[in-house]
Protein backbone atom coordinates (compact mmCIF):
# COMPACT_ATOMS: atom_id res chain seq x y z
CA MET A 1 -9.14 17.01 -17.41
CA GLY A 2 -6.54 18.67 -14.68
CA LEU A 3 -4.92 16.05 -13.11
CA ASP A 4 -2.01 18.46 -13.07
CA ARG A 5 -3.65 20.68 -10.53
CA LEU A 6 -3.36 17.61 -7.88
CA THR A 7 -0.80 16.99 -5.36
CA VAL A 8 -0.09 13.40 -4.15
CA LEU A 9 2.01 12.23 -1.25
CA VAL A 10 3.56 8.76 -1.87
CA VAL A 11 4.68 7.15 1.22
CA GLU A 12 7.08 3.91 1.07
CA ASP A 13 9.95 2.77 2.64
CA ASN A 14 11.23 0.94 0.02
CA SER A 15 13.09 3.45 -2.50
CA PHE A 16 12.57 1.59 -5.62
CA ALA A 17 8.80 1.31 -4.82
CA ARG A 18 8.59 4.74 -3.74
CA ASN A 19 10.61 5.81 -6.93
CA MET A 20 8.22 3.58 -9.50
CA ILE A 21 4.68 4.70 -7.85
CA ALA A 22 5.81 8.45 -7.89
CA GLU A 23 7.18 7.92 -11.83
CA ILE A 24 3.52 6.39 -12.40
CA LEU A 25 2.01 9.01 -11.17
CA ARG A 26 4.01 11.95 -13.17
CA ALA A 27 3.53 9.52 -16.10
CA LEU A 28 -0.42 10.16 -15.48
CA LYS A 29 0.03 13.62 -15.65
CA ILE A 30 -0.31 14.30 -11.88
CA GLY A 31 0.77 18.07 -11.38
CA ARG A 32 3.20 17.65 -8.02
CA VAL A 33 4.18 14.28 -6.66
CA VAL A 34 5.89 14.36 -3.21
CA THR A 35 7.59 11.33 -1.37
CA ALA A 36 8.28 10.66 2.22
CA SER A 37 10.18 7.96 2.93
CA ASP A 38 8.28 6.54 6.00
CA GLY A 39 5.22 7.45 8.03
CA ALA A 40 7.12 9.84 10.43
CA ASP A 41 8.33 11.60 7.30
CA ALA A 42 4.97 12.05 6.08
CA ILE A 43 3.73 13.37 9.40
CA GLY A 44 6.19 15.79 9.86
CA MET A 45 5.27 17.10 6.31
CA LEU A 46 1.55 17.17 7.13
CA ARG A 47 2.11 18.86 10.38
CA GLN A 48 4.27 21.69 8.43
CA ALA A 49 0.85 21.83 5.96
CA SER A 50 -0.93 22.42 8.74
CA LYS A 51 0.71 24.75 11.18
CA HIS A 52 2.56 27.19 8.38
CA LYS A 53 0.37 28.82 6.11
CA LEU A 54 3.31 29.05 3.53
CA ALA A 55 4.29 25.63 3.90
CA ALA A 56 0.51 24.86 3.15
CA LYS A 57 0.42 26.51 -0.06
CA VAL A 58 3.80 24.14 -0.95
CA LEU A 59 2.77 21.28 0.80
CA GLY A 60 -1.37 21.20 0.37
CA PHE A 61 -2.02 17.34 -0.38
CA ASP A 62 -5.17 16.25 -1.98
CA ILE A 63 -4.29 12.33 -1.88
CA ILE A 64 -1.96 9.90 0.32
CA LEU A 65 -0.88 7.00 -1.39
CA SER A 66 0.85 4.81 1.69
CA ASP A 67 2.35 1.33 2.09
CA TYR A 68 1.29 -0.70 4.76
CA LEU A 69 4.43 -2.17 6.33
CA MET A 70 6.76 0.19 7.17
CA SER A 71 8.58 0.88 10.46
CA PRO A 72 8.89 2.48 12.63
CA ILE A 73 5.52 4.25 11.94
CA ASN A 74 3.34 2.07 9.60
CA GLY A 75 0.36 2.68 7.14
CA THR A 76 -2.45 2.22 9.69
CA MET A 77 -0.40 4.42 12.08
CA LEU A 78 -0.20 7.13 9.74
CA LEU A 79 -3.65 6.43 8.51
CA ARG A 80 -4.79 6.85 12.43
CA TRP A 81 -2.86 10.06 12.55
CA VAL A 82 -4.63 11.51 9.89
CA ARG A 83 -7.78 10.27 10.66
CA GLN A 84 -7.56 11.56 14.31
CA HIS A 85 -4.73 14.32 14.87
CA ASP A 86 -5.64 18.15 15.28
CA ASP A 87 -2.03 18.66 13.70
CA CYS A 88 -3.59 16.87 10.28
CA PRO A 89 -4.30 19.64 7.91
CA ASP A 90 -7.36 17.44 6.57
CA ARG A 91 -9.03 14.65 8.39
CA PHE A 92 -11.06 14.13 5.22
CA MET A 93 -8.10 13.32 2.89
CA PRO A 94 -8.35 10.41 0.60
CA PHE A 95 -6.10 7.90 1.84
CA VAL A 96 -5.16 4.89 -0.60
CA MET A 97 -3.33 1.87 1.37
CA ILE A 98 -0.91 -0.32 -0.46
CA SER A 99 0.58 -3.51 0.50
CA GLY A 100 1.82 -6.64 -0.70
CA VAL A 101 -0.35 -8.61 2.08
CA ALA A 102 -3.91 -7.90 0.83
CA ASP A 103 -5.86 -10.95 2.90
CA HIS A 104 -8.84 -10.44 4.44
CA GLU A 105 -7.30 -9.23 8.17
CA VAL A 106 -5.05 -6.47 6.59
CA VAL A 107 -7.99 -5.22 4.29
CA ARG A 108 -10.24 -5.12 7.27
CA GLU A 109 -7.53 -3.40 9.52
CA ALA A 110 -6.97 -0.76 6.61
CA ARG A 111 -10.88 -0.57 6.34
CA ASP A 112 -11.52 0.23 10.10
CA MET A 113 -8.96 2.38 10.33
CA GLY A 114 -10.59 4.81 8.05
CA THR A 115 -8.60 4.05 4.90
CA THR A 116 -10.57 5.52 1.01
CA GLU A 117 -9.40 2.81 -1.08
CA PHE A 118 -7.04 -0.08 -0.95
CA LEU A 119 -4.57 -1.15 -3.70
CA ALA A 120 -2.81 -4.36 -3.49
CA LYS A 121 0.63 -5.16 -4.94
CA PRO A 122 1.43 -6.03 -7.25
CA PHE A 123 0.03 -3.04 -8.93
CA SER A 124 0.03 -1.62 -12.60
CA VAL A 125 -0.66 1.59 -14.21
CA LYS A 126 -4.18 0.97 -15.03
CA SER A 127 -4.79 -0.09 -11.02
CA ILE A 128 -3.24 2.94 -9.82
CA ALA A 129 -5.08 5.14 -12.18
CA ASP A 130 -8.63 3.43 -11.65
CA HIS A 131 -8.08 4.34 -7.81
CA ILE A 132 -7.46 7.71 -8.81
CA GLN A 133 -10.61 7.78 -10.80
CA VAL A 134 -12.83 6.41 -7.83
CA LEU A 135 -11.54 8.97 -5.46
CA ILE A 136 -12.44 11.82 -8.10
CA ASP A 137 -15.99 10.21 -9.12
CA ALA A 138 -17.23 8.09 -6.43
CA PRO A 139 -16.43 9.36 -2.81
CA ARG A 140 -18.11 8.13 -0.05
CA PRO A 141 -20.03 9.75 2.83
CA PHE A 142 -17.65 10.25 6.15
CA ILE A 143 -18.89 8.47 9.02
CA PHE A 144 -18.64 9.93 12.76
CA SER A 145 -19.65 7.91 15.64
CA ASN A 146 -18.21 6.78 18.65
CA ALA A 147 -16.38 3.68 17.50
CA TYR A 148 -15.53 5.07 13.92
CA PHE A 149 -14.07 8.05 11.72
CA GLY A 150 -13.47 7.73 8.43
CA PRO A 151 -15.27 6.92 4.79
CA GLU A 152 -18.39 4.90 4.64
CA ARG A 153 -17.58 0.93 4.71
CA ARG A 154 -20.43 -0.74 3.40
CA ARG A 155 -20.01 0.14 -0.63
CA GLN A 156 -22.19 -2.03 -1.61
CA LYS A 157 -25.99 -3.09 -0.27
CA ARG A 158 -26.64 -6.49 -0.22
CA PRO A 159 -28.67 -8.87 1.85
CA TYR A 160 -27.53 -9.06 5.81
CA HIS A 161 -29.49 -11.78 7.42
CA ALA A 162 -27.22 -11.42 10.94
CA ALA A 163 -28.03 -8.74 13.57
CA ASP A 164 -27.70 -5.50 12.42
CA ARG A 165 -25.24 -3.60 15.12
CA ARG A 166 -25.48 -0.26 13.29
CA VAL A 167 -29.30 0.37 13.32
CA ILE A 168 -30.28 3.75 14.90
CA THR A 169 -33.20 5.70 14.66
CA SER A 170 -33.35 9.17 12.51
CA ASP A 171 -33.33 11.11 15.52
CA GLU A 172 -29.99 9.38 16.69
CA GLN A 173 -28.34 10.67 13.42
CA GLN A 174 -27.47 13.62 11.98
CA THR A 175 -26.06 14.83 8.36
CA VAL A 176 -23.77 17.22 8.00
CA TYR A 177 -22.63 19.47 5.22
CA THR A 178 -19.41 20.86 6.25
CA THR A 179 -16.06 20.25 7.96
CA THR A 180 -16.30 23.12 10.29
CA LYS A 181 -16.41 21.98 14.06
CA LEU A 182 -19.92 21.09 15.29
CA LYS A 183 -21.17 23.43 17.97
CA ASN A 184 -23.11 22.10 20.81
CA PRO A 185 -24.03 18.94 19.07
CA ASP A 186 -27.40 17.23 20.66
CA PRO A 187 -26.28 14.35 22.72
CA LYS A 188 -28.67 11.97 21.33
CA ILE A 189 -27.06 11.74 18.44
CA LYS A 190 -24.76 8.79 18.12
CA THR A 191 -23.77 9.13 14.41
CA PHE A 192 -22.93 12.21 12.07
CA ILE A 193 -23.04 11.71 8.30
CA PHE A 194 -20.27 14.23 6.27
CA ASN A 195 -22.08 14.62 3.21
CA LEU A 196 -19.67 16.69 1.67
CA PRO A 197 -18.93 18.89 -1.81
CA ASN A 198 -16.81 16.64 -3.92
CA ARG A 199 -13.57 18.76 -3.44
CA LEU A 200 -11.24 16.64 -6.07
CA ARG A 201 -13.68 16.20 -8.86
CA GLU A 202 -14.18 20.39 -8.63
CA LYS A 203 -10.39 20.68 -8.47
CA VAL A 204 -10.31 18.40 -11.41
CA MET A 205 -13.20 19.05 -13.76
CA GLY A 206 -14.41 22.38 -12.61
CA LEU A 207 -17.79 23.19 -11.30
CA GLY A 208 -20.76 21.96 -12.86
CA LYS A 209 -18.89 19.50 -15.29
CA GLY A 210 -21.04 16.23 -15.36
CA GLY A 211 -20.47 12.82 -16.36
CA PRO A 212 -17.25 10.52 -15.17
CA MET A 213 -13.67 11.75 -15.23
CA THR A 214 -11.72 9.80 -18.18
CA ILE A 215 -8.14 9.59 -18.69
CA ASP A 216 -6.67 9.87 -21.98
CA PRO A 217 -5.80 6.14 -23.31
CA GLU A 218 -2.75 8.22 -24.61
CA ILE A 219 -1.53 8.75 -21.31
CA LEU A 220 -2.16 5.30 -19.81
CA LYS A 221 -0.20 3.95 -22.87
CA ALA A 222 2.60 6.43 -22.17
CA ALA A 223 2.74 5.86 -18.22
CA GLU A 224 3.00 1.96 -19.58
CA GLN A 225 5.84 2.81 -21.75
CA GLN A 226 7.44 4.90 -18.59
CA LEU A 227 6.76 1.59 -16.04
CA ASP A 228 8.56 -0.58 -18.98
CA ARG A 229 11.71 1.25 -18.99
CA MET A 230 12.10 0.70 -15.39
CA GLU A 231 12.59 -2.75 -15.71
CA THR A 232 16.40 -2.49 -15.65
CA ASP A 233 16.11 -0.48 -12.44
CA TYR A 234 14.26 -3.51 -11.29
CA SER A 235 16.46 -6.05 -12.06
CA ASP A 236 19.14 -3.97 -10.55
CA TRP A 237 17.04 -3.58 -6.98
CA VAL A 238 16.66 -7.45 -7.37
CA ARG A 239 20.33 -7.99 -7.18
CA GLY A 240 21.06 -5.34 -4.01
CA THR A 241 18.08 -7.29 -2.39
CA VAL A 242 19.70 -10.78 -3.11
CA LYS A 243 22.82 -9.01 -1.81
CA GLN A 244 20.97 -8.22 1.48
CA LEU A 245 19.21 -11.76 1.89
CA SER A 246 22.51 -13.13 1.43
CA ASP A 247 24.21 -11.03 4.26
CA ALA A 248 21.72 -11.78 6.40
CA TYR A 249 21.85 -15.55 5.72
CA GLU A 250 25.65 -15.64 6.36
CA LYS A 251 25.31 -13.77 9.53
CA ALA A 252 22.58 -16.15 10.70
CA LEU A 253 24.86 -19.09 9.60
CA VAL A 254 27.74 -18.07 11.27
CA ASP A 255 26.21 -16.67 15.03
CA ASP A 256 23.90 -18.76 16.62
CA ARG A 257 22.79 -15.63 18.57
CA ALA A 258 22.25 -13.37 15.41
CA ARG A 259 19.81 -15.91 13.65
CA THR A 260 16.37 -14.85 15.26
CA ALA A 261 17.17 -11.09 14.00
CA ALA A 262 18.66 -12.05 10.70
CA VAL A 263 15.75 -13.95 9.87
CA ALA A 264 13.49 -11.06 11.00
CA GLN A 265 15.41 -9.06 8.79
CA ILE A 266 15.20 -11.67 5.93
CA ASN A 267 11.18 -11.66 6.50
CA ARG A 268 11.06 -7.93 5.96
CA ILE A 269 13.21 -7.96 2.89
CA SER A 270 11.13 -10.63 1.14
CA HIS A 271 8.26 -8.37 1.83
CA ASP A 272 9.27 -6.03 -0.61
CA LEU A 273 10.51 -8.63 -3.14
CA ARG A 274 7.16 -10.26 -3.38
CA GLY A 275 5.66 -6.69 -4.52
CA GLN A 276 5.98 -6.37 -8.44
CA GLY A 277 7.75 -8.97 -10.20
CA THR A 278 4.73 -9.46 -12.03
CA THR A 279 4.87 -6.30 -13.08
CA PHE A 280 7.96 -6.70 -14.93
CA GLY A 281 7.61 -9.50 -16.18
CA TYR A 282 8.93 -12.18 -13.30
CA PRO A 283 6.06 -13.91 -11.53
CA LEU A 284 8.83 -16.29 -9.75
CA ILE A 285 10.18 -13.51 -8.02
CA THR A 286 6.96 -12.97 -6.39
CA VAL A 287 6.44 -16.56 -6.10
CA PHE A 288 9.76 -16.97 -4.28
CA GLY A 289 9.18 -13.53 -2.01
CA ASN A 290 5.95 -14.80 -0.95
CA SER A 291 7.37 -18.72 -0.01
CA LEU A 292 10.21 -16.48 1.82
CA HIS A 293 7.98 -14.58 3.47
CA GLU A 294 5.80 -16.91 4.89
CA CYS A 295 8.51 -19.63 6.06
CA THR A 296 9.86 -16.62 8.06
CA VAL A 297 7.39 -15.40 9.92
CA LYS A 298 7.47 -14.81 13.75
CA ILE A 299 10.03 -17.26 13.88
CA ASP A 300 11.32 -17.97 17.94
CA LYS A 301 13.80 -20.99 17.00
CA VAL A 302 16.08 -20.94 13.54
CA PRO A 303 16.85 -24.78 12.91
CA ASP A 304 19.91 -25.48 10.62
CA LYS A 305 17.23 -26.85 7.94
CA LEU A 306 15.41 -23.45 8.15
CA LEU A 307 18.24 -21.75 6.83
CA GLU A 308 18.98 -24.28 4.13
CA PHE A 309 15.02 -23.46 3.13
CA VAL A 310 16.01 -20.00 3.42
CA ARG A 311 19.26 -20.92 0.99
CA ALA A 312 17.03 -22.12 -1.78
CA HIS A 313 14.95 -19.19 -1.96
CA ILE A 314 18.00 -17.03 -2.36
CA ASP A 315 19.59 -19.63 -5.10
CA GLY A 316 16.25 -19.58 -7.04
CA ILE A 317 15.95 -15.52 -6.97
CA THR A 318 19.68 -15.39 -7.72
CA ALA A 319 18.71 -17.59 -11.11
CA VAL A 320 15.77 -16.05 -12.13
CA ILE A 321 17.12 -12.58 -12.09
CA ARG A 322 20.87 -13.59 -13.23
CA ASP A 323 18.97 -15.65 -16.62
CA ARG A 324 16.20 -13.30 -16.98
CA ILE A 325 13.81 -15.87 -16.65
CA LYS A 326 10.36 -14.07 -17.44
CA GLY A 327 6.78 -15.98 -17.38
CA SER A 328 6.49 -19.03 -15.84
CA GLY A 329 9.88 -19.46 -17.21
CA GLY A 330 9.19 -22.67 -19.24
CA ALA A 331 10.98 -26.37 -18.16
CA ILE A 332 13.95 -24.12 -16.01
CA GLY A 333 11.15 -22.19 -14.33
CA THR A 334 9.48 -25.90 -13.46
CA GLU A 335 12.68 -27.14 -12.23
CA LEU A 336 13.45 -24.09 -10.28
CA VAL A 337 9.75 -24.36 -8.58
CA GLU A 338 9.95 -28.00 -7.83
CA SER A 339 13.30 -27.45 -6.35
CA LEU A 340 11.86 -25.23 -3.78
CA GLU A 341 9.02 -27.65 -2.82
CA ARG A 342 11.93 -30.17 -2.80
CA ALA A 343 13.42 -28.22 0.08
CA ARG A 344 9.90 -27.22 1.53
CA THR A 345 9.62 -31.19 1.86
CA ARG A 346 12.86 -31.63 3.36
CA LEU A 347 12.14 -28.71 6.05
CA ALA A 348 8.42 -30.40 6.88
CA SER A 349 10.22 -33.86 7.40
CA ALA A 350 12.86 -32.24 9.68
CA VAL A 351 10.18 -30.55 11.69
CA GLU A 352 8.28 -33.71 12.26
């Protein structure tokens, strides 16, 4: 198996998450891992790989793993650029969207933009390895029509009882076996199906190799151990993040004019907090992060009671990481969650 022949681009604006994903990939024996701090940084690298042959040898990417929520260019904007822009070195490149917001709307948006796979946070070594294995073993044909370009969106054949809007006749579709630009396409063709060679598999396994790709269990075990060693880094990152939350809270507390902007900042910070708490044995961090994110989404006016609720979250997260409260936390964890619920009740009654 030749995962060491692959180059993966990791796009993530949170430095801890970016380094964690990169470390997991290196532990899985991916040959080259390149990191980008946001979508704009990634586009710059991809454009260089497209424009310059020397850069293409250095920055020739096989897979992109990108976070969904970034600023100013987020994951879907990057994905749109990869799938549609002429400067992209490979518009068929496998793309894995990563997000802590894995609700149906976000998954559908990523799918409709042409993502290959969707990886929800919190993720594990195994989930990353599984997604890479799917990219290599089970690539889907690409579909090009007037409304969509990307991997086939229907993964399974299931009974479909509504009117099928995608029904076309055989003379309105064409199967293509190359990425070379089509010359003088028949105007009657509505859909092109790109059934391409499995380049990733050929690169990893070699020509003519049958059977599924497997990752050595010992490699997975070593990668898990590498992730375990990052627990101290995670704790330090949470403490730094709590400091950012506290600073934004204090700013909102003393300056009424800055409240809305400060709460928006708290919302962005809380999105990162709800990511990997479970991975490192701190599910309560995810619980508090989720709650804080939900209560600060699209806030136009910031009453004092909402700031009190934000303060309850900050105090809870501080207690969890300070006292190393892992798992459900027993009686202490129960009290922290109940304290948060009491604060939620006070906020609700104030709003009413």
